[in-house]
C-alpha atoms as a PDB file:
ATOM      1  CA  MET A   1      -4.643  13.842  -9.856  1.00  0.00           C
ATOM      2  CA  ALA A   2      -1.034  12.982 -10.609  1.00  0.00           C
ATOM      3  CA  SER A   3       0.454   9.555 -11.218  1.00  0.00           C
ATOM      4  CA  VAL A   4       3.632   7.764 -12.141  1.00  0.00           C
ATOM      5  CA  THR A   5       3.697   4.288 -13.705  1.00  0.00           C
ATOM      6  CA  PHE A   6       6.284   1.511 -13.698  1.00  0.00           C
ATOM      7  CA  VAL A   7       6.434  -1.989 -15.158  1.00  0.00           C
ATOM      8  CA  THR A   8       7.999  -4.665 -12.978  1.00  0.00           C
ATOM      9  CA  VAL A   9       9.069  -8.027 -14.382  1.00  0.00           C
ATOM     10  CA  SER A  10       9.320 -10.087 -11.179  1.00  0.00           C
ATOM     11  CA  ASP A  11       8.071 -10.326  -7.620  1.00  0.00           C
ATOM     12  CA  GLN A  12      11.456  -9.004  -6.492  1.00  0.00           C
ATOM     13  CA  GLU A  13      11.055  -5.857  -8.613  1.00  0.00           C
ATOM     14  CA  THR A  14       7.553  -5.349  -7.199  1.00  0.00           C
ATOM     15  CA  ILE A  15       9.008  -5.661  -3.690  1.00  0.00           C
ATOM     16  CA  TRP A  16      11.780  -3.206  -4.631  1.00  0.00           C
ATOM     17  CA  LEU A  17       9.242  -0.628  -5.837  1.00  0.00           C
ATOM     18  CA  GLY A  18       7.232  -1.069  -2.641  1.00  0.00           C
ATOM     19  CA  ARG A  19      10.419  -0.657  -0.633  1.00  0.00           C
ATOM     20  CA  ARG A  20      11.187   2.561  -2.509  1.00  0.00           C
ATOM     21  CA  LEU A  21       7.739   3.934  -1.629  1.00  0.00           C
ATOM     22  CA  GLY A  22       8.017   2.743   1.971  1.00  0.00           C
ATOM     23  CA  SER A  23      11.308   4.575   2.382  1.00  0.00           C
ATOM     24  CA  VAL A  24       9.649   7.964   1.743  1.00  0.00           C
ATOM     25  CA  LEU A  25       6.459   7.433   3.748  1.00  0.00           C
ATOM     26  CA  SER A  26       5.891   9.325   6.982  1.00  0.00           C
ATOM     27  CA  LYS A  27       3.654   8.829   9.998  1.00  0.00           C
ATOM     28  CA  GLY A  28       0.039   9.372   9.019  1.00  0.00           C
ATOM     29  CA  ASP A  29       0.454   8.201   5.406  1.00  0.00           C
ATOM     30  CA  VAL A  30      -2.045   5.694   4.011  1.00  0.00           C
ATOM     31  CA  VAL A  31      -1.450   3.572   0.902  1.00  0.00           C
ATOM     32  CA  GLY A  32      -4.472   2.074  -0.844  1.00  0.00           C
ATOM     33  CA  LEU A  33      -3.546  -1.066  -2.804  1.00  0.00           C
ATOM     34  CA  VAL A  34      -5.805  -1.855  -5.757  1.00  0.00           C
ATOM     35  CA  GLY A  35      -5.684  -4.806  -8.153  1.00  0.00           C
ATOM     36  CA  GLU A  36      -7.223  -8.143  -8.936  1.00  0.00           C
ATOM     37  CA  LEU A  37      -6.323 -11.371  -7.140  1.00  0.00           C
ATOM     38  CA  GLY A  38      -2.724 -12.311  -7.882  1.00  0.00           C
ATOM     39  CA  SER A  39      -1.693  -8.853  -9.062  1.00  0.00           C
ATOM     40  CA  GLY A  40       1.020  -8.484  -6.405  1.00  0.00           C
ATOM     41  CA  LYS A  41      -0.588  -6.366  -3.676  1.00  0.00           C
ATOM     42  CA  THR A  42       0.972  -8.421  -0.890  1.00  0.00           C
ATOM     43  CA  TRP A  43       4.393  -8.458  -2.609  1.00  0.00           C
ATOM     44  CA  PHE A  44       4.185  -4.680  -2.803  1.00  0.00           C
ATOM     45  CA  ALA A  45       3.201  -4.513   0.890  1.00  0.00           C
ATOM     46  CA  LYS A  46       6.261  -6.652   1.729  1.00  0.00           C
ATOM     47  CA  GLY A  47       8.348  -3.986   0.030  1.00  0.00           C
ATOM     48  CA  LEU A  48       6.555  -1.216   1.927  1.00  0.00           C
ATOM     49  CA  ALA A  49       7.411  -2.996   5.179  1.00  0.00           C
ATOM     50  CA  LEU A  50      11.086  -3.277   4.241  1.00  0.00           C
ATOM     51  CA  GLY A  51      11.192   0.401   3.276  1.00  0.00           C
ATOM     52  CA  LEU A  52       9.666   1.253   6.652  1.00  0.00           C
ATOM     53  CA  GLY A  53      12.422  -0.576   8.492  1.00  0.00           C
ATOM     54  CA  VAL A  54      10.543  -3.772   9.327  1.00  0.00           C
ATOM     55  CA  HIS A  55      13.246  -6.403   9.854  1.00  0.00           C
ATOM     56  CA  ALA A  56      13.875  -8.470   6.712  1.00  0.00           C
ATOM     57  CA  ASP A  57      13.392 -11.713   8.707  1.00  0.00           C
ATOM     58  CA  MET A  58       9.800 -10.703   9.523  1.00  0.00           C
ATOM     59  CA  VAL A  59       7.360 -12.586   7.312  1.00  0.00           C
ATOM     60  CA  VAL A  60       4.841 -10.183   5.815  1.00  0.00           C
ATOM     61  CA  THR A  61       1.718 -12.092   4.819  1.00  0.00           C
ATOM     62  CA  SER A  62      -1.675 -11.199   3.444  1.00  0.00           C
ATOM     63  CA  PRO A  63      -4.077 -10.323   6.247  1.00  0.00           C
ATOM     64  CA  SER A  64      -7.024 -11.841   4.333  1.00  0.00           C
ATOM     65  CA  PHE A  65      -8.297 -13.734   7.365  1.00  0.00           C
ATOM     66  CA  THR A  66      -6.870 -11.669  10.231  1.00  0.00           C
ATOM     67  CA  LEU A  67      -7.926  -8.404   8.485  1.00  0.00           C
ATOM     68  CA  VAL A  68      -5.029  -6.454  10.043  1.00  0.00           C
ATOM     69  CA  ASN A  69      -1.377  -7.358  10.571  1.00  0.00           C
ATOM     70  CA  GLU A  70       0.863  -5.044  12.570  1.00  0.00           C
ATOM     71  CA  TYR A  71       4.605  -4.696  12.102  1.00  0.00           C
ATOM     72  CA  GLU A  72       7.186  -2.563  13.895  1.00  0.00           C
ATOM     73  CA  GLY A  73       9.595  -0.468  11.873  1.00  0.00           C
ATOM     74  CA  LYS A  74      10.358   3.231  12.121  1.00  0.00           C
ATOM     75  CA  CYS A  75       6.751   3.443  13.379  1.00  0.00           C
ATOM     76  CA  PRO A  76       3.834   0.998  13.595  1.00  0.00           C
ATOM     77  CA  PHE A  77       2.891  -0.320  10.136  1.00  0.00           C
ATOM     78  CA  PHE A  78      -0.624  -1.697   9.704  1.00  0.00           C
ATOM     79  CA  HIS A  79      -1.271  -3.931   6.698  1.00  0.00           C
ATOM     80  CA  MET A  80      -5.018  -4.400   6.161  1.00  0.00           C
ATOM     81  CA  ASP A  81      -7.145  -6.431   3.769  1.00  0.00           C
ATOM     82  CA  LEU A  82     -10.788  -5.524   3.053  1.00  0.00           C
ATOM     83  CA  TYR A  83     -11.466  -8.351   0.572  1.00  0.00           C
ATOM     84  CA  ARG A  84     -13.639 -10.465   2.873  1.00  0.00           C
ATOM     85  CA  LEU A  85     -15.710  -7.592   4.232  1.00  0.00           C
ATOM     86  CA  ASP A  86     -19.105  -7.380   2.553  1.00  0.00           C
ATOM     87  CA  ARG A  87     -20.746  -4.397   4.241  1.00  0.00           C
ATOM     88  CA  LEU A  88     -19.604  -0.961   5.281  1.00  0.00           C
ATOM     89  CA  SER A  89     -20.651  -1.846   8.828  1.00  0.00           C
ATOM     90  CA  ASP A  90     -18.135  -4.748   8.704  1.00  0.00           C
ATOM     91  CA  VAL A  91     -15.393  -2.308   7.713  1.00  0.00           C
ATOM     92  CA  GLN A  92     -16.380   0.070  10.495  1.00  0.00           C
ATOM     93  CA  SER A  93     -16.483  -2.754  13.068  1.00  0.00           C
ATOM     94  CA  ILE A  94     -12.741  -3.471  12.732  1.00  0.00           C
ATOM     95  CA  GLY A  95     -11.998  -0.023  14.180  1.00  0.00           C
ATOM     96  CA  LEU A  96     -10.315   1.302  11.067  1.00  0.00           C
ATOM     97  CA  GLU A  97     -10.021   4.811  12.475  1.00  0.00           C
ATOM     98  CA  GLU A  98      -7.753   3.453  15.220  1.00  0.00           C
ATOM     99  CA  TYR A  99      -5.278   2.263  12.597  1.00  0.00           C
ATOM    100  CA  LEU A 100      -5.406   5.380  10.427  1.00  0.00           C
ATOM    101  CA  ASN A 101      -3.689   7.878  12.696  1.00  0.00           C
ATOM    102  CA  ASP A 102      -0.807  10.320  12.850  1.00  0.00           C
ATOM    103  CA  GLU A 103       1.489   7.857  14.647  1.00  0.00           C
ATOM    104  CA  SER A 104       1.439   4.996  12.144  1.00  0.00           C
ATOM    105  CA  ILE A 105       1.503   4.133   8.451  1.00  0.00           C
ATOM    106  CA  ALA A 106      -1.135   1.900   6.881  1.00  0.00           C
ATOM    107  CA  SER A 107      -1.568  -0.042   3.671  1.00  0.00           C
ATOM    108  CA  ILE A 108      -5.016  -1.271   2.706  1.00  0.00           C
ATOM    109  CA  GLU A 109      -5.465  -4.069   0.173  1.00  0.00           C
ATOM    110  CA  TRP A 110      -8.696  -3.870  -1.847  1.00  0.00           C
ATOM    111  CA  ALA A 111      -8.956  -0.169  -0.997  1.00  0.00           C
ATOM    112  CA  ASP A 112     -11.214   0.367  -4.017  1.00  0.00           C
ATOM    113  CA  ARG A 113     -13.979  -1.704  -2.403  1.00  0.00           C
ATOM    114  CA  TRP A 114     -14.638   0.978   0.232  1.00  0.00           C
ATOM    115  CA  PRO A 115     -13.267   4.299  -1.075  1.00  0.00           C
ATOM    116  CA  GLU A 116     -15.516   6.288   1.252  1.00  0.00           C
ATOM    117  CA  ILE A 117     -13.529   5.136   4.301  1.00  0.00           C
ATOM    118  CA  LEU A 118     -10.159   6.234   2.934  1.00  0.00           C
ATOM    119  CA  PRO A 119      -8.554   9.402   4.280  1.00  0.00           C
ATOM    120  CA  GLU A 120      -8.360  12.322   1.873  1.00  0.00           C
ATOM    121  CA  GLY A 121      -4.580  12.033   1.384  1.00  0.00           C
ATOM    122  CA  THR A 122      -4.507   8.335   0.516  1.00  0.00           C
ATOM    123  CA  ILE A 123      -1.806   7.356  -1.973  1.00  0.00           C
ATOM    124  CA  THR A 124      -3.257   4.831  -4.421  1.00  0.00           C
ATOM    125  CA  VAL A 125      -1.134   2.037  -5.861  1.00  0.00           C
ATOM    126  CA  LYS A 126      -2.840   0.169  -8.695  1.00  0.00           C
ATOM    127  CA  LEU A 127      -1.338  -3.125  -9.836  1.00  0.00           C
ATOM    128  CA  VAL A 128      -2.368  -4.559 -13.205  1.00  0.00           C
ATOM    129  CA  ILE A 129      -1.359  -8.012 -14.449  1.00  0.00           C
ATOM    130  CA  ILE A 130       0.360  -7.849 -17.844  1.00  0.00           C
ATOM    131  CA  ASP A 131       1.428 -11.505 -17.909  1.00  0.00           C
ATOM    132  CA  ASP A 132       2.668 -14.194 -15.499  1.00  0.00           C
ATOM    133  CA  HIS A 133       5.604 -12.050 -14.384  1.00  0.00           C
ATOM    134  CA  GLN A 134       5.010  -8.455 -15.452  1.00  0.00           C
ATOM    135  CA  ARG A 135       2.929  -5.923 -13.555  1.00  0.00           C
ATOM    136  CA  GLU A 136       2.035  -2.361 -14.440  1.00  0.00           C
ATOM    137  CA  ILE A 137       2.133  -0.410 -11.178  1.00  0.00           C
ATOM    138  CA  SER A 138       0.750   3.122 -10.966  1.00  0.00           C
ATOM    139  CA  ILE A 139       1.190   5.344  -7.933  1.00  0.00           C
ATOM    140  CA  SER A 140      -1.337   8.183  -7.828  1.00  0.00           C
ATOM    141  CA  GLY A 141      -2.871  10.823  -5.610  1.00  0.00           C
ATOM    142  CA  GLN A 142      -3.982  14.413  -5.443  1.00  0.00           C
ATOM    143  CA  ASP A 143      -3.168  15.481  -1.907  1.00  0.00           C
ATOM    144  CA  PRO A 144      -0.051  17.692  -1.536  1.00  0.00           C
ATOM    145  CA  ARG A 145       1.745  14.857   0.306  1.00  0.00           C
ATOM    146  CA  ALA A 146       0.938  12.365  -2.479  1.00  0.00           C
ATOM    147  CA  LEU A 147       2.083  14.865  -5.112  1.00  0.00           C
ATOM    148  CA  GLU A 148       5.395  15.283  -3.286  1.00  0.00           C
ATOM    149  CA  ILE A 149       5.931  11.514  -3.276  1.00  0.00           C
ATOM    150  CA  ILE A 150       4.957  11.147  -6.947  1.00  0.00           C
ATOM    151  CA  ARG A 151       7.371  13.928  -7.931  1.00  0.00           C
ATOM    152  CA  SER A 152      10.194  12.054  -6.180  1.00  0.00           C
ATOM    153  CA  PHE A 153       9.382   8.959  -8.268  1.00  0.00           C
ATOM    154  CA  GLU A 154       9.250  10.991 -11.472  1.00  0.00           C
ATOM    155  CA  GLN A 155      12.753  12.324 -10.716  1.00  0.00           C
ATOM    156  CA  ASP A 156      13.959   8.710 -10.359  1.00  0.00           C
ATOM    157  CA  LYS A 157      12.628   7.879 -13.834  1.00  0.00           C
ATOM    158  CA  ASP A 158      14.530  10.769 -15.468  1.00  0.00           C
END
């Protein structure tokens, strides 16, 4: 498992980091977003959308109640939220496998609630609240694709 960690000091920096990750994602990639309420998962997903070419005027919101929001960029981008799902059967009933395919990119908030449904190559982004403005954001994975992405971030830090 490899990881790279950043500290952001504003929502805009969290969006920027998400945008940076979004810009290197390819069809078939899945990003699992992990962190407590208010840690910035949706801000990060807004950045992912921008990095994927979703028009800046498009409002990216948390799919807490809709479960899945779809956006068009360089390919379909599915932003999912598993927070309100209590049973594995609930997760399976939303047709998750239809969203996790080789023609789209997906981000899943609360991915740690149901790790068994995540594809093997999932890139995990963990957001930890430091204070009202600062977040520690770690990007990790072990799949060759995730390692390639993490290496590109490590080069940026040098």
